[in-house]
All heavy atoms as atom14 arrays in JSON, in Angstrom:
{
  "sequence": "LTTWLTDAHNYPGEMDFYLEPDEVGQLVDYMLTLRREN",
  "atom14_mask": [
    [1, 1, 1, 1, 1, 1, 1, 1, 0, 0, 0, 0, 0, 0],
    [1, 1, 1, 1, 1, 1, 1, 0, 0, 0, 0, 0, 0, 0],
    [1, 1, 1, 1, 1, 1, 1, 0, 0, 0, 0, 0, 0, 0],
    [1, 1, 1, 1, 1, 1, 1, 1, 1, 1, 1, 1, 1, 1],
    [1, 1, 1, 1, 1, 1, 1, 1, 0, 0, 0, 0, 0, 0],
    [1, 1, 1, 1, 1, 1, 1, 0, 0, 0, 0, 0, 0, 0],
    [1, 1, 1, 1, 1, 1, 1, 1, 0, 0, 0, 0, 0, 0],
    [1, 1, 1, 1, 1, 0, 0, 0, 0, 0, 0, 0, 0, 0],
    [1, 1, 1, 1, 1, 1, 1, 1, 1, 1, 0, 0, 0, 0],
    [1, 1, 1, 1, 1, 1, 1, 1, 0, 0, 0, 0, 0, 0],
    [1, 1, 1, 1, 1, 1, 1, 1, 1, 1, 1, 1, 0, 0],
    [1, 1, 1, 1, 1, 1, 1, 0, 0, 0, 0, 0, 0, 0],
    [1, 1, 1, 1, 0, 0, 0, 0, 0, 0, 0, 0, 0, 0],
    [1, 1, 1, 1, 1, 1, 1, 1, 1, 0, 0, 0, 0, 0],
    [1, 1, 1, 1, 1, 1, 1, 1, 0, 0, 0, 0, 0, 0],
    [1, 1, 1, 1, 1, 1, 1, 1, 0, 0, 0, 0, 0, 0],
    [1, 1, 1, 1, 1, 1, 1, 1, 1, 1, 1, 0, 0, 0],
    [1, 1, 1, 1, 1, 1, 1, 1, 1, 1, 1, 1, 0, 0],
    [1, 1, 1, 1, 1, 1, 1, 1, 0, 0, 0, 0, 0, 0],
    [1, 1, 1, 1, 1, 1, 1, 1, 1, 0, 0, 0, 0, 0],
    [1, 1, 1, 1, 1, 1, 1, 0, 0, 0, 0, 0, 0, 0],
    [1, 1, 1, 1, 1, 1, 1, 1, 0, 0, 0, 0, 0, 0],
    [1, 1, 1, 1, 1, 1, 1, 1, 1, 0, 0, 0, 0, 0],
    [1, 1, 1, 1, 1, 1, 1, 0, 0, 0, 0, 0, 0, 0],
    [1, 1, 1, 1, 0, 0, 0, 0, 0, 0, 0, 0, 0, 0],
    [1, 1, 1, 1, 1, 1, 1, 1, 1, 0, 0, 0, 0, 0],
    [1, 1, 1, 1, 1, 1, 1, 1, 0, 0, 0, 0, 0, 0],
    [1, 1, 1, 1, 1, 1, 1, 0, 0, 0, 0, 0, 0, 0],
    [1, 1, 1, 1, 1, 1, 1, 1, 0, 0, 0, 0, 0, 0],
    [1, 1, 1, 1, 1, 1, 1, 1, 1, 1, 1, 1, 0, 0],
    [1, 1, 1, 1, 1, 1, 1, 1, 0, 0, 0, 0, 0, 0],
    [1, 1, 1, 1, 1, 1, 1, 1, 0, 0, 0, 0, 0, 0],
    [1, 1, 1, 1, 1, 1, 1, 0, 0, 0, 0, 0, 0, 0],
    [1, 1, 1, 1, 1, 1, 1, 1, 0, 0, 0, 0, 0, 0],
    [1, 1, 1, 1, 1, 1, 1, 1, 1, 1, 1, 0, 0, 0],
    [1, 1, 1, 1, 1, 1, 1, 1, 1, 1, 1, 0, 0, 0],
    [1, 1, 1, 1, 1, 1, 1, 1, 1, 0, 0, 0, 0, 0],
    [1, 1, 1, 1, 1, 1, 1, 1, 0, 0, 0, 0, 0, 0]
  ],
  "atom14_positions": [
    [[27.47, 35.09, 118.21], [28.78, 35.21, 117.58], [29.87, 35.23, 118.64], [30.91, 34.58, 118.49], [28.84, 36.45, 116.7], [30.11, 36.66, 115.89], [30.46, 35.45, 115.02], [29.99, 37.91, 115.03], [0.0, 0.0, 0.0], [0.0, 0.0, 0.0], [0.0, 0.0, 0.0], [0.0, 0.0, 0.0], [0.0, 0.0, 0.0], [0.0, 0.0, 0.0]],
    [[29.65, 35.95, 119.73], [30.62, 35.99, 120.82], [30.83, 34.6, 121.4], [31.97, 34.18, 121.61], [30.14, 36.97, 121.92], [30.05, 38.28, 121.36], [31.09, 36.97, 123.11], [0.0, 0.0, 0.0], [0.0, 0.0, 0.0], [0.0, 0.0, 0.0], [0.0, 0.0, 0.0], [0.0, 0.0, 0.0], [0.0, 0.0, 0.0], [0.0, 0.0, 0.0]],
    [[29.75, 33.87, 121.61], [29.86, 32.51, 122.15], [30.64, 31.63, 121.19], [31.53, 30.88, 121.6], [28.46, 31.92, 122.41], [27.82, 32.71, 123.4], [28.55, 30.48, 122.88], [0.0, 0.0, 0.0], [0.0, 0.0, 0.0], [0.0, 0.0, 0.0], [0.0, 0.0, 0.0], [0.0, 0.0, 0.0], [0.0, 0.0, 0.0], [0.0, 0.0, 0.0]],
    [[30.32, 31.7, 119.9], [31.0, 30.86, 118.92], [32.49, 31.15, 118.88], [33.32, 30.25, 118.83], [30.38, 31.05, 117.54], [30.77, 29.97, 116.6], [30.16, 28.77, 116.43], [31.89, 29.98, 115.69], [30.82, 28.03, 115.48], [31.88, 28.75, 115.01], [32.87, 30.9, 115.4], [32.84, 28.43, 114.05], [33.82, 30.57, 114.43], [33.79, 29.35, 113.78]],
    [[32.87, 32.42, 118.93], [34.29, 32.79, 118.89], [35.01, 32.48, 120.19], [36.23, 32.36, 120.21], [34.44, 34.27, 118.55], [34.08, 34.65, 117.12], [33.98, 36.16, 116.97], [35.07, 34.06, 116.13], [0.0, 0.0, 0.0], [0.0, 0.0, 0.0], [0.0, 0.0, 0.0], [0.0, 0.0, 0.0], [0.0, 0.0, 0.0], [0.0, 0.0, 0.0]],
    [[34.28, 32.36, 121.28], [34.88, 32.1, 122.59], [35.03, 30.61, 122.86], [35.96, 30.19, 123.55], [34.02, 32.74, 123.69], [33.87, 34.13, 123.39], [34.67, 32.61, 125.05], [0.0, 0.0, 0.0], [0.0, 0.0, 0.0], [0.0, 0.0, 0.0], [0.0, 0.0, 0.0], [0.0, 0.0, 0.0], [0.0, 0.0, 0.0], [0.0, 0.0, 0.0]],
    [[34.14, 29.79, 122.32], [34.15, 28.35, 122.56], [35.04, 27.65, 121.54], [34.58, 27.17, 120.52], [32.73, 27.77, 122.49], [31.88, 28.2, 123.65], [32.43, 28.61, 124.68], [30.64, 28.1, 123.53], [0.0, 0.0, 0.0], [0.0, 0.0, 0.0], [0.0, 0.0, 0.0], [0.0, 0.0, 0.0], [0.0, 0.0, 0.0], [0.0, 0.0, 0.0]],
    [[36.33, 27.58, 121.84], [37.3, 27.05, 120.88], [37.01, 25.61, 120.48], [37.43, 25.18, 119.43], [38.71, 27.15, 121.45], [0.0, 0.0, 0.0], [0.0, 0.0, 0.0], [0.0, 0.0, 0.0], [0.0, 0.0, 0.0], [0.0, 0.0, 0.0], [0.0, 0.0, 0.0], [0.0, 0.0, 0.0], [0.0, 0.0, 0.0], [0.0, 0.0, 0.0]],
    [[36.27, 24.86, 121.26], [36.01, 23.46, 120.93], [35.13, 23.3, 119.7], [35.07, 22.23, 119.12], [35.36, 22.74, 122.11], [33.99, 23.22, 122.42], [33.76, 24.3, 123.25], [32.77, 22.8, 122.01], [32.45, 24.51, 123.32], [31.83, 23.62, 122.58], [0.0, 0.0, 0.0], [0.0, 0.0, 0.0], [0.0, 0.0, 0.0], [0.0, 0.0, 0.0]],
    [[34.48, 24.36, 119.25], [33.6, 24.22, 118.09], [34.28, 24.64, 116.78], [33.64, 24.64, 115.74], [32.29, 25.0, 118.28], [32.5, 26.51, 118.37], [33.57, 27.01, 118.06], [31.48, 27.22, 118.79], [0.0, 0.0, 0.0], [0.0, 0.0, 0.0], [0.0, 0.0, 0.0], [0.0, 0.0, 0.0], [0.0, 0.0, 0.0], [0.0, 0.0, 0.0]],
    [[35.55, 24.98, 116.81], [36.25, 25.38, 115.6], [36.68, 24.15, 114.8], [37.08, 23.14, 115.36], [37.54, 26.14, 115.94], [37.37, 27.48, 116.58], [38.27, 27.93, 117.53], [36.34, 28.33, 116.22], [38.15, 29.17, 118.11], [36.21, 29.58, 116.8], [37.11, 29.99, 117.74], [37.01, 31.22, 118.31], [0.0, 0.0, 0.0], [0.0, 0.0, 0.0]],
    [[36.7, 24.28, 113.47], [37.39, 23.26, 112.67], [38.87, 23.28, 113.04], [39.39, 24.28, 113.54], [37.18, 23.73, 111.24], [36.09, 24.73, 111.28], [36.08, 25.31, 112.66], [0.0, 0.0, 0.0], [0.0, 0.0, 0.0], [0.0, 0.0, 0.0], [0.0, 0.0, 0.0], [0.0, 0.0, 0.0], [0.0, 0.0, 0.0], [0.0, 0.0, 0.0]],
    [[39.58, 22.22, 112.78], [41.0, 22.13, 113.12], [41.84, 23.27, 112.6], [42.77, 23.72, 113.25], [0.0, 0.0, 0.0], [0.0, 0.0, 0.0], [0.0, 0.0, 0.0], [0.0, 0.0, 0.0], [0.0, 0.0, 0.0], [0.0, 0.0, 0.0], [0.0, 0.0, 0.0], [0.0, 0.0, 0.0], [0.0, 0.0, 0.0], [0.0, 0.0, 0.0]],
    [[41.5, 23.78, 111.41], [42.26, 24.88, 110.82], [42.13, 26.17, 111.62], [42.91, 27.09, 111.44], [41.78, 25.17, 109.39], [41.97, 24.01, 108.43], [40.81, 23.01, 108.48], [39.82, 23.23, 109.2], [40.91, 22.01, 107.78], [0.0, 0.0, 0.0], [0.0, 0.0, 0.0], [0.0, 0.0, 0.0], [0.0, 0.0, 0.0], [0.0, 0.0, 0.0]],
    [[41.12, 26.24, 112.47], [40.87, 27.46, 113.23], [41.2, 27.28, 114.71], [40.61, 27.91, 115.57], [39.4, 27.87, 113.09], [39.03, 28.28, 111.69], [37.28, 28.67, 111.55], [37.05, 29.92, 112.79], [0.0, 0.0, 0.0], [0.0, 0.0, 0.0], [0.0, 0.0, 0.0], [0.0, 0.0, 0.0], [0.0, 0.0, 0.0], [0.0, 0.0, 0.0]],
    [[42.15, 26.44, 115.02], [42.5, 26.17, 116.41], [43.38, 27.31, 116.94], [44.59, 27.29, 116.8], [43.22, 24.83, 116.52], [43.43, 24.42, 117.95], [42.77, 24.98, 118.86], [44.26, 23.53, 118.19], [0.0, 0.0, 0.0], [0.0, 0.0, 0.0], [0.0, 0.0, 0.0], [0.0, 0.0, 0.0], [0.0, 0.0, 0.0], [0.0, 0.0, 0.0]],
    [[42.74, 28.32, 117.5], [43.45, 29.46, 118.06], [42.67, 30.0, 119.24], [41.53, 29.64, 119.46], [43.68, 30.55, 117.01], [42.4, 31.14, 116.46], [41.79, 32.21, 117.09], [41.81, 30.6, 115.33], [40.6, 32.74, 116.6], [40.64, 31.14, 114.83], [40.03, 32.2, 115.46], [0.0, 0.0, 0.0], [0.0, 0.0, 0.0], [0.0, 0.0, 0.0]],
    [[43.3, 30.86, 120.01], [42.66, 31.45, 121.18], [42.6, 32.96, 121.0], [43.57, 33.58, 120.56], [43.45, 31.12, 122.45], [42.9, 31.8, 123.67], [41.77, 31.32, 124.31], [43.49, 32.97, 124.16], [41.25, 31.96, 125.42], [42.97, 33.62, 125.26], [41.85, 33.11, 125.89], [41.33, 33.74, 126.98], [0.0, 0.0, 0.0], [0.0, 0.0, 0.0]],
    [[41.46, 33.54, 121.34], [41.3, 35.0, 121.31], [41.06, 35.5, 122.73], [40.28, 34.91, 123.48], [40.1, 35.39, 120.45], [40.19, 35.09, 118.96], [38.85, 35.36, 118.29], [41.28, 35.93, 118.32], [0.0, 0.0, 0.0], [0.0, 0.0, 0.0], [0.0, 0.0, 0.0], [0.0, 0.0, 0.0], [0.0, 0.0, 0.0], [0.0, 0.0, 0.0]],
    [[41.72, 36.57, 123.08], [41.47, 37.24, 124.36], [40.07, 37.85, 124.3], [39.58, 38.18, 123.21], [42.51, 38.34, 124.61], [43.92, 37.82, 124.79], [44.11, 37.05, 126.09], [43.33, 37.28, 127.05], [45.04, 36.22, 126.14], [0.0, 0.0, 0.0], [0.0, 0.0, 0.0], [0.0, 0.0, 0.0], [0.0, 0.0, 0.0], [0.0, 0.0, 0.0]],
    [[39.41, 38.03, 125.45], [38.06, 38.61, 125.45], [37.95, 39.94, 124.7], [36.99, 40.17, 123.98], [37.74, 38.78, 126.93], [38.53, 37.69, 127.6], [39.82, 37.62, 126.79], [0.0, 0.0, 0.0], [0.0, 0.0, 0.0], [0.0, 0.0, 0.0], [0.0, 0.0, 0.0], [0.0, 0.0, 0.0], [0.0, 0.0, 0.0], [0.0, 0.0, 0.0]],
    [[38.96, 40.82, 124.83], [38.88, 42.1, 124.11], [39.02, 41.89, 122.6], [38.42, 42.61, 121.81], [39.91, 43.1, 124.62], [41.35, 42.67, 124.42], [41.65, 41.47, 124.59], [42.18, 43.54, 124.1], [0.0, 0.0, 0.0], [0.0, 0.0, 0.0], [0.0, 0.0, 0.0], [0.0, 0.0, 0.0], [0.0, 0.0, 0.0], [0.0, 0.0, 0.0]],
    [[39.79, 40.88, 122.19], [39.91, 40.57, 120.76], [38.59, 40.04, 120.21], [38.19, 40.39, 119.1], [41.02, 39.55, 120.53], [42.4, 40.07, 120.85], [43.46, 38.99, 120.83], [43.22, 37.86, 121.3], [44.55, 39.29, 120.31], [0.0, 0.0, 0.0], [0.0, 0.0, 0.0], [0.0, 0.0, 0.0], [0.0, 0.0, 0.0], [0.0, 0.0, 0.0]],
    [[37.92, 39.21, 120.99], [36.61, 38.7, 120.59], [35.65, 39.87, 120.4], [34.95, 39.97, 119.38], [36.04, 37.69, 121.61], [34.59, 37.35, 121.29], [36.89, 36.44, 121.65], [0.0, 0.0, 0.0], [0.0, 0.0, 0.0], [0.0, 0.0, 0.0], [0.0, 0.0, 0.0], [0.0, 0.0, 0.0], [0.0, 0.0, 0.0], [0.0, 0.0, 0.0]],
    [[35.63, 40.79, 121.35], [34.74, 41.95, 121.27], [35.02, 42.8, 120.04], [34.1, 43.23, 119.36], [0.0, 0.0, 0.0], [0.0, 0.0, 0.0], [0.0, 0.0, 0.0], [0.0, 0.0, 0.0], [0.0, 0.0, 0.0], [0.0, 0.0, 0.0], [0.0, 0.0, 0.0], [0.0, 0.0, 0.0], [0.0, 0.0, 0.0], [0.0, 0.0, 0.0]],
    [[36.29, 43.03, 119.75], [36.65, 43.83, 118.58], [36.25, 43.12, 117.29], [35.74, 43.75, 116.35], [38.15, 44.1, 118.58], [38.6, 45.02, 119.68], [40.11, 45.09, 119.78], [40.84, 44.72, 118.87], [40.59, 45.58, 120.91], [0.0, 0.0, 0.0], [0.0, 0.0, 0.0], [0.0, 0.0, 0.0], [0.0, 0.0, 0.0], [0.0, 0.0, 0.0]],
    [[36.47, 41.81, 117.24], [36.1, 41.04, 116.05], [34.59, 41.03, 115.84], [34.1, 41.24, 114.73], [36.65, 39.62, 116.15], [36.44, 38.7, 114.97], [36.96, 39.31, 113.68], [37.11, 37.36, 115.23], [0.0, 0.0, 0.0], [0.0, 0.0, 0.0], [0.0, 0.0, 0.0], [0.0, 0.0, 0.0], [0.0, 0.0, 0.0], [0.0, 0.0, 0.0]],
    [[33.84, 40.83, 116.91], [32.38, 40.84, 116.83], [31.91, 42.22, 116.38], [31.06, 42.33, 115.48], [31.74, 40.44, 118.17], [30.25, 40.72, 118.19], [32.02, 38.96, 118.46], [0.0, 0.0, 0.0], [0.0, 0.0, 0.0], [0.0, 0.0, 0.0], [0.0, 0.0, 0.0], [0.0, 0.0, 0.0], [0.0, 0.0, 0.0], [0.0, 0.0, 0.0]],
    [[32.45, 43.27, 116.97], [32.06, 44.64, 116.57], [32.28, 44.84, 115.07], [31.41, 45.37, 114.38], [32.85, 45.69, 117.35], [32.44, 45.82, 118.79], [31.36, 45.31, 119.17], [33.22, 46.43, 119.57], [0.0, 0.0, 0.0], [0.0, 0.0, 0.0], [0.0, 0.0, 0.0], [0.0, 0.0, 0.0], [0.0, 0.0, 0.0], [0.0, 0.0, 0.0]],
    [[33.45, 44.43, 114.57], [33.73, 44.6, 113.15], [32.78, 43.76, 112.29], [32.2, 44.26, 111.33], [35.18, 44.24, 112.8], [35.38, 44.25, 111.3], [35.36, 45.45, 110.6], [35.51, 43.07, 110.59], [35.49, 45.48, 109.21], [35.64, 43.08, 109.2], [35.62, 44.28, 108.53], [35.73, 44.31, 107.17], [0.0, 0.0, 0.0], [0.0, 0.0, 0.0]],
    [[32.64, 42.5, 112.64], [31.8, 41.62, 111.82], [30.36, 42.13, 111.75], [29.72, 42.04, 110.7], [31.86, 40.18, 112.33], [33.22, 39.54, 112.05], [33.33, 37.84, 112.58], [32.36, 37.04, 111.29], [0.0, 0.0, 0.0], [0.0, 0.0, 0.0], [0.0, 0.0, 0.0], [0.0, 0.0, 0.0], [0.0, 0.0, 0.0], [0.0, 0.0, 0.0]],
    [[29.86, 42.69, 112.83], [28.49, 43.2, 112.82], [28.35, 44.45, 111.95], [27.24, 44.77, 111.52], [27.99, 43.44, 114.24], [27.79, 42.16, 115.06], [27.33, 42.5, 116.48], [26.83, 41.19, 114.39], [0.0, 0.0, 0.0], [0.0, 0.0, 0.0], [0.0, 0.0, 0.0], [0.0, 0.0, 0.0], [0.0, 0.0, 0.0], [0.0, 0.0, 0.0]],
    [[29.45, 45.15, 111.64], [29.36, 46.27, 110.69], [29.1, 45.77, 109.27], [28.72, 46.56, 108.4], [30.64, 47.14, 110.68], [31.72, 46.41, 110.1], [30.98, 47.65, 112.07], [0.0, 0.0, 0.0], [0.0, 0.0, 0.0], [0.0, 0.0, 0.0], [0.0, 0.0, 0.0], [0.0, 0.0, 0.0], [0.0, 0.0, 0.0], [0.0, 0.0, 0.0]],
    [[29.3, 44.49, 109.03], [29.1, 43.9, 107.71], [27.65, 43.48, 107.46], [27.32, 43.02, 106.38], [30.03, 42.69, 107.53], [31.52, 43.0, 107.63], [32.32, 41.69, 107.61], [31.97, 43.93, 106.53], [0.0, 0.0, 0.0], [0.0, 0.0, 0.0], [0.0, 0.0, 0.0], [0.0, 0.0, 0.0], [0.0, 0.0, 0.0], [0.0, 0.0, 0.0]],
    [[26.8, 43.66, 108.46], [25.39, 43.31, 108.29], [24.71, 44.28, 107.34], [24.97, 45.47, 107.35], [24.68, 43.34, 109.64], [25.19, 42.26, 110.57], [24.3, 42.14, 111.72], [23.7, 40.82, 111.57], [23.02, 40.23, 112.49], [22.79, 40.83, 113.63], [22.54, 39.03, 112.3], [0.0, 0.0, 0.0], [0.0, 0.0, 0.0], [0.0, 0.0, 0.0]],
    [[23.83, 43.71, 106.51], [23.08, 44.52, 105.55], [21.62, 44.08, 105.58], [21.33, 42.88, 105.64], [23.62, 44.32, 104.12], [25.08, 44.66, 103.95], [25.32, 46.16, 104.08], [26.7, 46.53, 103.87], [27.6, 46.69, 104.84], [27.26, 46.51, 106.1], [28.83, 47.04, 104.56], [0.0, 0.0, 0.0], [0.0, 0.0, 0.0], [0.0, 0.0, 0.0]],
    [[20.72, 45.04, 105.54], [19.31, 44.73, 105.46], [19.04, 44.05, 104.12], [19.58, 44.44, 103.09], [18.48, 46.01, 105.58], [17.01, 45.75, 105.77], [16.24, 47.02, 106.06], [16.77, 47.88, 106.81], [15.12, 47.14, 105.55], [0.0, 0.0, 0.0], [0.0, 0.0, 0.0], [0.0, 0.0, 0.0], [0.0, 0.0, 0.0], [0.0, 0.0, 0.0]],
    [[18.21, 43.01, 104.13], [17.88, 42.26, 102.93], [19.1, 41.7, 102.22], [19.17, 41.68, 100.98], [17.06, 43.13, 101.96], [15.76, 43.61, 102.58], [15.07, 42.82, 103.24], [15.45, 44.87, 102.41], [0.0, 0.0, 0.0], [0.0, 0.0, 0.0], [0.0, 0.0, 0.0], [0.0, 0.0, 0.0], [0.0, 0.0, 0.0], [0.0, 0.0, 0.0]]
  ]
}
């Protein structure tokens, strides 16, 4: 997830933006709280 959010070349055109490394970390941390078993 960190790699995907850091490699801007893989975004669809609508998602053409840049995130600072600390923003990537915060976003990854939040998104991983959404994980659920099964």
